[in-house]
Amino acid sequence: MSYPPQPRSRVARFFFAHLGTLISIVTSIVIAGAEQFSAAGVSRGLWTAFTLASLYLLLAWGMGEHKQFDLVVWALFGVGILAVVAGIRPLVDAYRFYFGALLFGSFAVAAIMPLLLGREPFTHWHAVRGTPRWQHVTAAFATSNRVLTAFWALLFTLAAISCVSHPADPMFTFVYPNLLVVVGVTAPYWLLPLWFRLFPPPLPDRAEPLIMGMPFVFDPKAAAGARALIQFRVTGERPGEYYVAVKDGRCESFEGRAERADLTVNTPDDVWVDIAAGRLDGTQAIADGRYTVEGDYLVLAKLQTWFPNRRDPPARAS
């Protein structure tokens, strides 16, 4: 699993996520278009774009920010350069008249192949940079990436077909493909909620995502006017300290230790997982000494009301 090597500014994140690869693509189209996509113009566009793509790839690789599509774009221009140098006219003509189809077709293949081979999908790079670390170990996170990648593969395929069908019409080579991209960008906000409504993910098998995900299942009406700091001290194979803050109908979760917690729950990792899954009764588990609590027992009694359904929160991926 690839994580960002260090926190980046918003500008840097946007550059590595979008602009870095896009610069070489736009440059190629502008240079070739300025010469009416002649063989000479396409050749100059490919050489310039390949140089920019190579420089960007070196930069991204050196900073640990390279992604699959960076390699795809670099390879796409590289093949074009080989076609020019070797004088393979049919392939050069494909870059002249069907560059959009080659680009989106390459993206479609790059999206589909990891799914078929069981490898890390391209959305994973974006997902680990856009979601909290604790979500990355959940089944919902893995499913989100597979679903979004499959959807993007469909969109890229449709975009490539659009470009092939009318290679000289900007509506089919630019407008429609980019409208499909907009649909893909918005997919995390409507496709994933729909998918998890139809196919609910299983509960996590560890306490950390269950605790950190409690704000996703918080009932603000049930906790209206309530204030509480709930500390969780997890022991076992995957120990950790986390706390949940409930205040004025809002809930937030944090890693670490809270000051002056109203309730402290000391629990082995597997015990809390069994309680959340309904395999173990929380009250009976306290009586049996499976876990202990310190502080305000009224807060403990209200946990089930404030958090009525501890389900695995769907992790966003982009």
C-alpha atoms as a PDB file:
ATOM      1  CA  MET A   1       0.000   0.000   0.000  1.00  0.00           C
ATOM      2  CA  SER A   2       1.499   3.350  -1.094  1.00  0.00           C
ATOM      3  CA  TYR A   3       1.223   6.283   1.252  1.00  0.00           C
ATOM      4  CA  PRO A   4       2.217   9.906   0.694  1.00  0.00           C
ATOM      5  CA  PRO A   5       5.859  10.196   1.823  1.00  0.00           C
ATOM      6  CA  GLN A   6       5.030  13.411   3.684  1.00  0.00           C
ATOM      7  CA  PRO A   7       2.175  15.916   3.914  1.00  0.00           C
ATOM      8  CA  ARG A   8       1.921  18.188   0.881  1.00  0.00           C
ATOM      9  CA  SER A   9       0.385  21.611   0.445  1.00  0.00           C
ATOM     10  CA  ARG A  10      -2.896  21.883  -1.466  1.00  0.00           C
ATOM     11  CA  VAL A  11      -1.069  23.303  -4.474  1.00  0.00           C
ATOM     12  CA  ALA A  12       1.441  20.433  -4.479  1.00  0.00           C
ATOM     13  CA  ARG A  13      -1.300  17.838  -4.064  1.00  0.00           C
ATOM     14  CA  PHE A  14      -3.271  19.314  -6.960  1.00  0.00           C
ATOM     15  CA  PHE A  15      -0.155  19.478  -9.126  1.00  0.00           C
ATOM     16  CA  PHE A  16       0.825  15.846  -8.630  1.00  0.00           C
ATOM     17  CA  ALA A  17      -2.759  14.587  -8.812  1.00  0.00           C
ATOM     18  CA  HIS A  18      -3.815  16.436 -11.966  1.00  0.00           C
ATOM     19  CA  LEU A  19      -1.607  19.090 -13.554  1.00  0.00           C
ATOM     20  CA  GLY A  20       1.680  17.212 -13.814  1.00  0.00           C
ATOM     21  CA  THR A  21       0.402  14.619 -16.269  1.00  0.00           C
ATOM     22  CA  LEU A  22      -2.006  16.981 -17.997  1.00  0.00           C
ATOM     23  CA  ILE A  23       0.720  19.451 -19.006  1.00  0.00           C
ATOM     24  CA  SER A  24       2.381  17.051 -21.439  1.00  0.00           C
ATOM     25  CA  ILE A  25      -0.975  15.997 -22.939  1.00  0.00           C
ATOM     26  CA  VAL A  26      -2.119  19.559 -23.548  1.00  0.00           C
ATOM     27  CA  THR A  27       1.288  20.535 -24.917  1.00  0.00           C
ATOM     28  CA  SER A  28       1.204  17.713 -27.454  1.00  0.00           C
ATOM     29  CA  ILE A  29      -2.260  18.682 -28.675  1.00  0.00           C
ATOM     30  CA  VAL A  30      -1.447  22.399 -28.886  1.00  0.00           C
ATOM     31  CA  ILE A  31       1.766  21.909 -30.878  1.00  0.00           C
ATOM     32  CA  ALA A  32       0.249  19.362 -33.256  1.00  0.00           C
ATOM     33  CA  GLY A  33      -2.938  21.397 -33.635  1.00  0.00           C
ATOM     34  CA  ALA A  34      -0.997  24.531 -34.507  1.00  0.00           C
ATOM     35  CA  GLU A  35       0.264  22.675 -37.600  1.00  0.00           C
ATOM     36  CA  GLN A  36      -3.107  21.158 -38.510  1.00  0.00           C
ATOM     37  CA  PHE A  37      -2.001  17.791 -37.101  1.00  0.00           C
ATOM     38  CA  SER A  38       0.442  17.260 -39.935  1.00  0.00           C
ATOM     39  CA  ALA A  39       2.984  14.459 -39.602  1.00  0.00           C
ATOM     40  CA  ALA A  40       5.700  17.016 -38.817  1.00  0.00           C
ATOM     41  CA  GLY A  41       3.506  18.803 -36.274  1.00  0.00           C
ATOM     42  CA  VAL A  42       2.524  15.594 -34.530  1.00  0.00           C
ATOM     43  CA  SER A  43       6.198  14.571 -34.458  1.00  0.00           C
ATOM     44  CA  ARG A  44       7.210  17.833 -32.776  1.00  0.00           C
ATOM     45  CA  GLY A  45       4.295  17.552 -30.375  1.00  0.00           C
ATOM     46  CA  LEU A  46       5.265  14.010 -29.417  1.00  0.00           C
ATOM     47  CA  TRP A  47       8.918  14.864 -28.841  1.00  0.00           C
ATOM     48  CA  THR A  48       8.055  17.885 -26.701  1.00  0.00           C
ATOM     49  CA  ALA A  49       5.389  16.015 -24.738  1.00  0.00           C
ATOM     50  CA  PHE A  50       7.656  13.005 -24.202  1.00  0.00           C
ATOM     51  CA  THR A  51      10.378  15.287 -22.832  1.00  0.00           C
ATOM     52  CA  LEU A  52       7.943  16.999 -20.453  1.00  0.00           C
ATOM     53  CA  ALA A  53       6.414  13.666 -19.399  1.00  0.00           C
ATOM     54  CA  SER A  54       9.884  12.253 -18.697  1.00  0.00           C
ATOM     55  CA  LEU A  55      10.907  15.250 -16.601  1.00  0.00           C
ATOM     56  CA  TYR A  56       7.667  15.154 -14.655  1.00  0.00           C
ATOM     57  CA  LEU A  57       7.941  11.404 -14.090  1.00  0.00           C
ATOM     58  CA  LEU A  58      11.451  11.822 -12.700  1.00  0.00           C
ATOM     59  CA  LEU A  59      10.226  14.575 -10.381  1.00  0.00           C
ATOM     60  CA  ALA A  60       7.197  12.612  -9.209  1.00  0.00           C
ATOM     61  CA  TRP A  61       9.223   9.432  -8.739  1.00  0.00           C
ATOM     62  CA  GLY A  62      11.872  11.266  -6.749  1.00  0.00           C
ATOM     63  CA  MET A  63       9.221  12.689  -4.429  1.00  0.00           C
ATOM     64  CA  GLY A  64       7.277   9.445  -4.102  1.00  0.00           C
ATOM     65  CA  GLU A  65       4.279  10.889  -5.945  1.00  0.00           C
ATOM     66  CA  HIS A  66       4.345   8.843  -9.162  1.00  0.00           C
ATOM     67  CA  LYS A  67       1.177   7.024 -10.149  1.00  0.00           C
ATOM     68  CA  GLN A  68       0.094   4.519 -12.762  1.00  0.00           C
ATOM     69  CA  PHE A  69      -1.293   7.024 -15.242  1.00  0.00           C
ATOM     70  CA  ASP A  70       2.005   8.948 -15.242  1.00  0.00           C
ATOM     71  CA  LEU A  71       3.645   5.824 -16.657  1.00  0.00           C
ATOM     72  CA  VAL A  72       0.773   5.291 -19.096  1.00  0.00           C
ATOM     73  CA  VAL A  73       1.093   8.795 -20.545  1.00  0.00           C
ATOM     74  CA  TRP A  74       4.894   8.512 -20.710  1.00  0.00           C
ATOM     75  CA  ALA A  75       4.603   5.173 -22.523  1.00  0.00           C
ATOM     76  CA  LEU A  76       1.951   6.550 -24.890  1.00  0.00           C
ATOM     77  CA  PHE A  77       4.271   9.339 -26.027  1.00  0.00           C
ATOM     78  CA  GLY A  78       7.227   6.956 -26.072  1.00  0.00           C
ATOM     79  CA  VAL A  79       5.464   4.605 -28.494  1.00  0.00           C
ATOM     80  CA  GLY A  80       4.607   7.599 -30.649  1.00  0.00           C
ATOM     81  CA  ILE A  81       8.283   8.620 -30.739  1.00  0.00           C
ATOM     82  CA  LEU A  82       9.292   5.084 -31.765  1.00  0.00           C
ATOM     83  CA  ALA A  83       6.718   5.189 -34.558  1.00  0.00           C
ATOM     84  CA  VAL A  84       8.150   8.488 -35.816  1.00  0.00           C
ATOM     85  CA  VAL A  85      11.768   7.314 -35.636  1.00  0.00           C
ATOM     86  CA  ALA A  86      11.010   3.937 -37.241  1.00  0.00           C
ATOM     87  CA  GLY A  87       8.831   5.547 -39.898  1.00  0.00           C
ATOM     88  CA  ILE A  88       5.771   3.425 -39.119  1.00  0.00           C
ATOM     89  CA  ARG A  89       3.318   5.562 -41.059  1.00  0.00           C
ATOM     90  CA  PRO A  90       0.065   3.805 -40.015  1.00  0.00           C
ATOM     91  CA  LEU A  91       0.932   4.272 -36.333  1.00  0.00           C
ATOM     92  CA  VAL A  92       1.970   7.889 -36.871  1.00  0.00           C
ATOM     93  CA  ASP A  93      -1.352   8.476 -38.640  1.00  0.00           C
ATOM     94  CA  ALA A  94      -3.137   6.959 -35.650  1.00  0.00           C
ATOM     95  CA  TYR A  95      -1.531   9.641 -33.460  1.00  0.00           C
ATOM     96  CA  ARG A  96      -2.510  12.268 -36.036  1.00  0.00           C
ATOM     97  CA  PHE A  97      -6.175  11.381 -36.341  1.00  0.00           C
ATOM     98  CA  TYR A  98      -7.016   9.278 -33.281  1.00  0.00           C
ATOM     99  CA  PHE A  99      -4.890  10.655 -30.457  1.00  0.00           C
ATOM    100  CA  GLY A 100      -7.941  11.075 -28.180  1.00  0.00           C
ATOM    101  CA  ALA A 101      -8.938   7.459 -28.752  1.00  0.00           C
ATOM    102  CA  LEU A 102      -5.375   6.283 -28.029  1.00  0.00           C
ATOM    103  CA  LEU A 103      -5.248   8.356 -24.845  1.00  0.00           C
ATOM    104  CA  PHE A 104      -8.585   7.278 -23.401  1.00  0.00           C
ATOM    105  CA  GLY A 105      -8.087   3.725 -24.629  1.00  0.00           C
ATOM    106  CA  SER A 106      -4.752   3.583 -22.794  1.00  0.00           C
ATOM    107  CA  PHE A 107      -6.442   4.850 -19.642  1.00  0.00           C
ATOM    108  CA  ALA A 108      -9.159   2.203 -19.999  1.00  0.00           C
ATOM    109  CA  VAL A 109      -6.593  -0.596 -20.312  1.00  0.00           C
ATOM    110  CA  ALA A 110      -4.617   0.793 -17.358  1.00  0.00           C
ATOM    111  CA  ALA A 111      -7.797   0.797 -15.269  1.00  0.00           C
ATOM    112  CA  ILE A 112      -8.972  -2.679 -16.272  1.00  0.00           C
ATOM    113  CA  MET A 113      -5.721  -4.659 -16.067  1.00  0.00           C
ATOM    114  CA  PRO A 114      -5.069  -4.235 -12.295  1.00  0.00           C
ATOM    115  CA  LEU A 115      -8.638  -5.385 -11.607  1.00  0.00           C
ATOM    116  CA  LEU A 116      -8.145  -8.496 -13.738  1.00  0.00           C
ATOM    117  CA  LEU A 117      -4.736  -9.229 -12.209  1.00  0.00           C
ATOM    118  CA  GLY A 118      -5.794  -8.506  -8.621  1.00  0.00           C
ATOM    119  CA  ARG A 119      -3.334  -5.630  -8.327  1.00  0.00           C
ATOM    120  CA  GLU A 120      -3.674  -2.166  -6.809  1.00  0.00           C
ATOM    121  CA  PRO A 121      -6.126  -0.091  -8.905  1.00  0.00           C
ATOM    122  CA  PHE A 122      -5.208   3.381 -10.103  1.00  0.00           C
ATOM    123  CA  THR A 123      -7.732   5.045  -7.761  1.00  0.00           C
ATOM    124  CA  HIS A 124      -5.746   3.757  -4.787  1.00  0.00           C
ATOM    125  CA  TRP A 125      -3.104   6.468  -5.217  1.00  0.00           C
ATOM    126  CA  HIS A 126      -5.749   9.174  -4.893  1.00  0.00           C
ATOM    127  CA  ALA A 127      -7.680   7.375  -2.143  1.00  0.00           C
ATOM    128  CA  VAL A 128      -4.798   7.064   0.326  1.00  0.00           C
ATOM    129  CA  ARG A 129      -4.142  10.778  -0.068  1.00  0.00           C
ATOM    130  CA  GLY A 130      -7.768  11.789   0.375  1.00  0.00           C
ATOM    131  CA  THR A 131      -8.925   9.640   3.292  1.00  0.00           C
ATOM    132  CA  PRO A 132      -7.790   9.101   6.903  1.00  0.00           C
ATOM    133  CA  ARG A 133      -5.213   6.368   7.448  1.00  0.00           C
ATOM    134  CA  TRP A 134      -7.542   4.291   9.622  1.00  0.00           C
ATOM    135  CA  GLN A 135      -9.936   3.792   6.715  1.00  0.00           C
ATOM    136  CA  HIS A 136      -7.288   2.101   4.604  1.00  0.00           C
ATOM    137  CA  VAL A 137      -7.572  -1.216   6.478  1.00  0.00           C
ATOM    138  CA  THR A 138     -11.322  -1.557   5.992  1.00  0.00           C
ATOM    139  CA  ALA A 139     -13.127  -3.732   3.471  1.00  0.00           C
ATOM    140  CA  ALA A 140     -15.129  -0.678   2.409  1.00  0.00           C
ATOM    141  CA  PHE A 141     -11.941   1.101   1.333  1.00  0.00           C
ATOM    142  CA  ALA A 142     -10.836  -1.770  -0.909  1.00  0.00           C
ATOM    143  CA  THR A 143     -14.321  -2.156  -2.353  1.00  0.00           C
ATOM    144  CA  SER A 144     -14.602   1.581  -3.017  1.00  0.00           C
ATOM    145  CA  ASN A 145     -11.437   1.514  -5.073  1.00  0.00           C
ATOM    146  CA  ARG A 146     -12.516  -1.492  -7.129  1.00  0.00           C
ATOM    147  CA  VAL A 147     -15.984  -0.049  -7.810  1.00  0.00           C
ATOM    148  CA  LEU A 148     -14.683   3.374  -8.815  1.00  0.00           C
ATOM    149  CA  THR A 149     -11.917   1.893 -10.957  1.00  0.00           C
ATOM    150  CA  ALA A 150     -14.397  -0.306 -12.826  1.00  0.00           C
ATOM    151  CA  PHE A 151     -16.647   2.703 -13.377  1.00  0.00           C
ATOM    152  CA  TRP A 152     -13.732   4.789 -14.644  1.00  0.00           C
ATOM    153  CA  ALA A 153     -12.755   1.958 -17.007  1.00  0.00           C
ATOM    154  CA  LEU A 154     -16.267   2.091 -18.477  1.00  0.00           C
ATOM    155  CA  LEU A 155     -16.113   5.883 -18.854  1.00  0.00           C
ATOM    156  CA  PHE A 156     -12.670   5.772 -20.484  1.00  0.00           C
ATOM    157  CA  THR A 157     -13.894   3.107 -22.913  1.00  0.00           C
ATOM    158  CA  LEU A 158     -16.931   5.205 -23.852  1.00  0.00           C
ATOM    159  CA  ALA A 159     -14.683   8.249 -24.302  1.00  0.00           C
ATOM    160  CA  ALA A 160     -12.374   6.285 -26.612  1.00  0.00           C
ATOM    161  CA  ILE A 161     -15.352   5.065 -28.650  1.00  0.00           C
ATOM    162  CA  SER A 162     -16.608   8.640 -28.913  1.00  0.00           C
ATOM    163  CA  CYS A 163     -13.234   9.795 -30.259  1.00  0.00           C
ATOM    164  CA  VAL A 164     -13.062   6.960 -32.792  1.00  0.00           C
ATOM    165  CA  SER A 165     -16.596   7.497 -34.053  1.00  0.00           C
ATOM    166  CA  HIS A 166     -16.046  11.136 -35.125  1.00  0.00           C
ATOM    167  CA  PRO A 167     -12.287  11.852 -35.035  1.00  0.00           C
ATOM    168  CA  ALA A 168     -12.642  15.302 -36.638  1.00  0.00           C
ATOM    169  CA  ASP A 169     -15.558  16.555 -34.535  1.00  0.00           C
ATOM    170  CA  PRO A 170     -14.571  18.399 -31.318  1.00  0.00           C
ATOM    171  CA  MET A 171     -17.922  17.490 -29.762  1.00  0.00           C
ATOM    172  CA  PHE A 172     -16.930  13.822 -29.903  1.00  0.00           C
ATOM    173  CA  THR A 173     -13.204  14.218 -29.260  1.00  0.00           C
ATOM    174  CA  PHE A 174     -13.330  16.891 -26.546  1.00  0.00           C
ATOM    175  CA  VAL A 175     -16.778  17.826 -25.213  1.00  0.00           C
ATOM    176  CA  TYR A 176     -18.346  14.407 -24.733  1.00  0.00           C
ATOM    177  CA  PRO A 177     -15.170  12.738 -23.331  1.00  0.00           C
ATOM    178  CA  ASN A 178     -14.708  15.543 -20.810  1.00  0.00           C
ATOM    179  CA  LEU A 179     -18.362  15.348 -19.782  1.00  0.00           C
ATOM    180  CA  LEU A 180     -17.715  11.675 -19.042  1.00  0.00           C
ATOM    181  CA  VAL A 181     -14.707  12.705 -16.937  1.00  0.00           C
ATOM    182  CA  VAL A 182     -16.944  15.051 -14.941  1.00  0.00           C
ATOM    183  CA  VAL A 183     -19.299  12.143 -14.291  1.00  0.00           C
ATOM    184  CA  GLY A 184     -16.341  10.126 -13.015  1.00  0.00           C
ATOM    185  CA  VAL A 185     -15.137  12.913 -10.729  1.00  0.00           C
ATOM    186  CA  THR A 186     -18.562  13.119  -9.065  1.00  0.00           C
ATOM    187  CA  ALA A 187     -18.941   9.326  -8.741  1.00  0.00           C
ATOM    188  CA  PRO A 188     -17.635   9.096  -5.149  1.00  0.00           C
ATOM    189  CA  TYR A 189     -20.543  11.274  -4.023  1.00  0.00           C
ATOM    190  CA  TRP A 190     -23.361   9.282  -5.617  1.00  0.00           C
ATOM    191  CA  LEU A 191     -22.071   5.922  -6.889  1.00  0.00           C
ATOM    192  CA  LEU A 192     -20.457   4.755  -3.647  1.00  0.00           C
ATOM    193  CA  PRO A 193     -23.471   5.590  -1.412  1.00  0.00           C
ATOM    194  CA  LEU A 194     -25.694   3.751  -3.891  1.00  0.00           C
ATOM    195  CA  TRP A 195     -23.347   0.761  -4.035  1.00  0.00           C
ATOM    196  CA  PHE A 196     -23.047   0.411  -0.270  1.00  0.00           C
ATOM    197  CA  ARG A 197     -26.788   0.804   0.129  1.00  0.00           C
ATOM    198  CA  LEU A 198     -27.259  -2.171  -2.182  1.00  0.00           C
ATOM    199  CA  PHE A 199     -24.222  -4.113  -0.964  1.00  0.00           C
ATOM    200  CA  PRO A 200     -23.419  -3.159   2.667  1.00  0.00           C
ATOM    201  CA  PRO A 201     -19.762  -3.813   3.542  1.00  0.00           C
ATOM    202  CA  PRO A 202     -18.826  -6.098   6.447  1.00  0.00           C
ATOM    203  CA  LEU A 203     -17.779  -4.653   9.775  1.00  0.00           C
ATOM    204  CA  PRO A 204     -14.029  -4.145  10.221  1.00  0.00           C
ATOM    205  CA  ASP A 205     -12.149  -6.900  12.028  1.00  0.00           C
ATOM    206  CA  ARG A 206     -10.223  -4.464  14.229  1.00  0.00           C
ATOM    207  CA  ALA A 207     -11.209  -1.894  16.835  1.00  0.00           C
ATOM    208  CA  GLU A 208      -9.438   1.151  15.372  1.00  0.00           C
ATOM    209  CA  PRO A 209     -11.712   1.723  12.337  1.00  0.00           C
ATOM    210  CA  LEU A 210     -14.772   0.871  14.434  1.00  0.00           C
ATOM    211  CA  ILE A 211     -13.902   3.586  16.950  1.00  0.00           C
ATOM    212  CA  MET A 212     -12.604   6.169  14.493  1.00  0.00           C
ATOM    213  CA  GLY A 213     -15.660   5.578  12.323  1.00  0.00           C
ATOM    214  CA  MET A 214     -18.160   6.258  15.087  1.00  0.00           C
ATOM    215  CA  PRO A 215     -18.954   9.795  13.789  1.00  0.00           C
ATOM    216  CA  PHE A 216     -20.305   8.179  10.602  1.00  0.00           C
ATOM    217  CA  VAL A 217     -23.026   6.387  12.586  1.00  0.00           C
ATOM    218  CA  PHE A 218     -23.652   9.148  15.131  1.00  0.00           C
ATOM    219  CA  ASP A 219     -27.269  10.171  15.750  1.00  0.00           C
ATOM    220  CA  PRO A 220     -27.171  13.946  16.449  1.00  0.00           C
ATOM    221  CA  LYS A 221     -30.816  14.059  17.532  1.00  0.00           C
ATOM    222  CA  ALA A 222     -30.285  11.407  20.191  1.00  0.00           C
ATOM    223  CA  ALA A 223     -27.285  13.323  21.544  1.00  0.00           C
ATOM    224  CA  ALA A 224     -28.763  16.824  21.313  1.00  0.00           C
ATOM    225  CA  GLY A 225     -27.324  18.975  24.095  1.00  0.00           C
ATOM    226  CA  ALA A 226     -24.972  16.197  25.290  1.00  0.00           C
ATOM    227  CA  ARG A 227     -21.266  16.693  25.908  1.00  0.00           C
ATOM    228  CA  ALA A 228     -18.863  13.844  26.512  1.00  0.00           C
ATOM    229  CA  LEU A 229     -15.274  12.783  25.933  1.00  0.00           C
ATOM    230  CA  ILE A 230     -14.995   9.035  25.509  1.00  0.00           C
ATOM    231  CA  GLN A 231     -11.513   7.537  25.686  1.00  0.00           C
ATOM    232  CA  PHE A 232     -10.747   4.100  24.238  1.00  0.00           C
ATOM    233  CA  ARG A 233      -7.606   2.268  25.277  1.00  0.00           C
ATOM    234  CA  VAL A 234      -7.257  -0.757  23.048  1.00  0.00           C
ATOM    235  CA  THR A 235      -4.933  -3.626  23.932  1.00  0.00           C
ATOM    236  CA  GLY A 236      -4.044  -6.883  22.216  1.00  0.00           C
ATOM    237  CA  GLU A 237      -2.323  -7.520  18.895  1.00  0.00           C
ATOM    238  CA  ARG A 238      -3.302  -4.085  17.541  1.00  0.00           C
ATOM    239  CA  PRO A 239      -3.141  -1.678  20.496  1.00  0.00           C
ATOM    240  CA  GLY A 240      -3.885   2.010  20.318  1.00  0.00           C
ATOM    241  CA  GLU A 241      -5.526   4.980  22.021  1.00  0.00           C
ATOM    242  CA  TYR A 242      -8.440   6.865  20.497  1.00  0.00           C
ATOM    243  CA  TYR A 243     -11.130   9.181  21.744  1.00  0.00           C
ATOM    244  CA  VAL A 244     -14.514  10.418  20.597  1.00  0.00           C
ATOM    245  CA  ALA A 245     -15.823  13.898  21.379  1.00  0.00           C
ATOM    246  CA  VAL A 246     -19.576  14.482  21.507  1.00  0.00           C
ATOM    247  CA  LYS A 247     -20.673  18.097  21.788  1.00  0.00           C
ATOM    248  CA  ASP A 248     -23.887  19.919  20.891  1.00  0.00           C
ATOM    249  CA  GLY A 249     -25.091  17.342  18.408  1.00  0.00           C
ATOM    250  CA  ARG A 250     -21.699  16.865  16.769  1.00  0.00           C
ATOM    251  CA  CYS A 251     -19.211  14.018  16.965  1.00  0.00           C
ATOM    252  CA  GLU A 252     -15.516  13.808  16.099  1.00  0.00           C
ATOM    253  CA  SER A 253     -12.938  11.057  16.529  1.00  0.00           C
ATOM    254  CA  PHE A 254      -9.210  11.410  17.186  1.00  0.00           C
ATOM    255  CA  GLU A 255      -6.131   9.335  17.753  1.00  0.00           C
ATOM    256  CA  GLY A 256      -4.345   9.728  21.068  1.00  0.00           C
ATOM    257  CA  ARG A 257      -5.339  10.473  24.660  1.00  0.00           C
ATOM    258  CA  ALA A 258      -8.015  12.963  25.708  1.00  0.00           C
ATOM    259  CA  GLU A 259      -7.629  15.218  28.713  1.00  0.00           C
ATOM    260  CA  ARG A 260     -10.238  14.670  31.436  1.00  0.00           C
ATOM    261  CA  ALA A 261     -12.252  12.017  29.624  1.00  0.00           C
ATOM    262  CA  ASP A 262     -15.770  11.481  30.990  1.00  0.00           C
ATOM    263  CA  LEU A 263     -15.599   7.782  30.196  1.00  0.00           C
ATOM    264  CA  THR A 264     -12.618   5.521  29.584  1.00  0.00           C
ATOM    265  CA  VAL A 265     -13.064   2.131  27.949  1.00  0.00           C
ATOM    266  CA  ASN A 266     -10.212  -0.346  28.380  1.00  0.00           C
ATOM    267  CA  THR A 267     -10.748  -3.168  25.937  1.00  0.00           C
ATOM    268  CA  PRO A 268      -8.861  -5.825  23.996  1.00  0.00           C
ATOM    269  CA  ASP A 269      -9.126  -5.325  20.268  1.00  0.00           C
ATOM    270  CA  ASP A 270     -11.051  -8.542  19.597  1.00  0.00           C
ATOM    271  CA  VAL A 271     -13.535  -7.914  22.408  1.00  0.00           C
ATOM    272  CA  TRP A 272     -14.640  -4.563  21.022  1.00  0.00           C
ATOM    273  CA  VAL A 273     -14.928  -6.076  17.539  1.00  0.00           C
ATOM    274  CA  ASP A 274     -17.201  -8.831  18.914  1.00  0.00           C
ATOM    275  CA  ILE A 275     -19.348  -6.281  20.778  1.00  0.00           C
ATOM    276  CA  ALA A 276     -19.722  -4.116  17.667  1.00  0.00           C
ATOM    277  CA  ALA A 277     -20.636  -7.167  15.596  1.00  0.00           C
ATOM    278  CA  GLY A 278     -23.261  -8.271  18.129  1.00  0.00           C
ATOM    279  CA  ARG A 279     -21.448 -11.507  18.910  1.00  0.00           C
ATOM    280  CA  LEU A 280     -20.873 -10.392  22.500  1.00  0.00           C
ATOM    281  CA  ASP A 281     -23.195  -8.555  24.892  1.00  0.00           C
ATOM    282  CA  GLY A 282     -21.425  -5.450  26.221  1.00  0.00           C
ATOM    283  CA  THR A 283     -23.034  -5.560  29.674  1.00  0.00           C
ATOM    284  CA  GLN A 284     -22.266  -9.231  30.133  1.00  0.00           C
ATOM    285  CA  ALA A 285     -18.710  -8.693  28.897  1.00  0.00           C
ATOM    286  CA  ILE A 286     -18.140  -6.124  31.681  1.00  0.00           C
ATOM    287  CA  ALA A 287     -19.574  -8.528  34.248  1.00  0.00           C
ATOM    288  CA  ASP A 288     -17.256 -11.252  32.958  1.00  0.00           C
ATOM    289  CA  GLY A 289     -14.240  -8.941  33.107  1.00  0.00           C
ATOM    290  CA  ARG A 290     -13.686  -9.036  29.343  1.00  0.00           C
ATOM    291  CA  TYR A 291     -13.230  -5.257  29.341  1.00  0.00           C
ATOM    292  CA  THR A 292     -13.397  -2.471  31.927  1.00  0.00           C
ATOM    293  CA  VAL A 293     -14.705   1.079  32.085  1.00  0.00           C
ATOM    294  CA  GLU A 294     -13.849   4.057  34.262  1.00  0.00           C
ATOM    295  CA  GLY A 295     -15.839   7.227  34.755  1.00  0.00           C
ATOM    296  CA  ASP A 296     -19.449   8.116  34.034  1.00  0.00           C
ATOM    297  CA  TYR A 297     -21.542   4.985  33.542  1.00  0.00           C
ATOM    298  CA  LEU A 298     -24.424   7.138  32.261  1.00  0.00           C
ATOM    299  CA  VAL A 299     -22.310   7.965  29.220  1.00  0.00           C
ATOM    300  CA  LEU A 300     -21.666   4.264  28.706  1.00  0.00           C
ATOM    301  CA  ALA A 301     -25.400   3.591  28.859  1.00  0.00           C
ATOM    302  CA  LYS A 302     -26.052   6.185  26.165  1.00  0.00           C
ATOM    303  CA  LEU A 303     -23.504   4.873  23.670  1.00  0.00           C
ATOM    304  CA  GLN A 304     -26.005   2.541  22.050  1.00  0.00           C
ATOM    305  CA  THR A 305     -28.475   5.434  21.667  1.00  0.00           C
ATOM    306  CA  TRP A 306     -25.927   7.863  20.285  1.00  0.00           C
ATOM    307  CA  PHE A 307     -24.372   5.266  17.982  1.00  0.00           C
ATOM    308  CA  PRO A 308     -27.275   2.970  17.097  1.00  0.00           C
ATOM    309  CA  ASN A 309     -25.691   1.078  14.222  1.00  0.00           C
ATOM    310  CA  ARG A 310     -21.935   0.655  14.136  1.00  0.00           C
ATOM    311  CA  ARG A 311     -21.413  -0.077  10.458  1.00  0.00           C
ATOM    312  CA  ASP A 312     -18.287   0.242   8.393  1.00  0.00           C
ATOM    313  CA  PRO A 313     -18.302   3.770   6.884  1.00  0.00           C
ATOM    314  CA  PRO A 314     -17.869   3.788   3.115  1.00  0.00           C
ATOM    315  CA  ALA A 315     -14.418   5.176   2.358  1.00  0.00           C
ATOM    316  CA  ARG A 316     -14.221   7.706  -0.441  1.00  0.00           C
ATOM    317  CA  ALA A 317     -11.892   7.188  -3.296  1.00  0.00           C
ATOM    318  CA  SER A 318     -11.339   9.466  -6.200  1.00  0.00           C
END
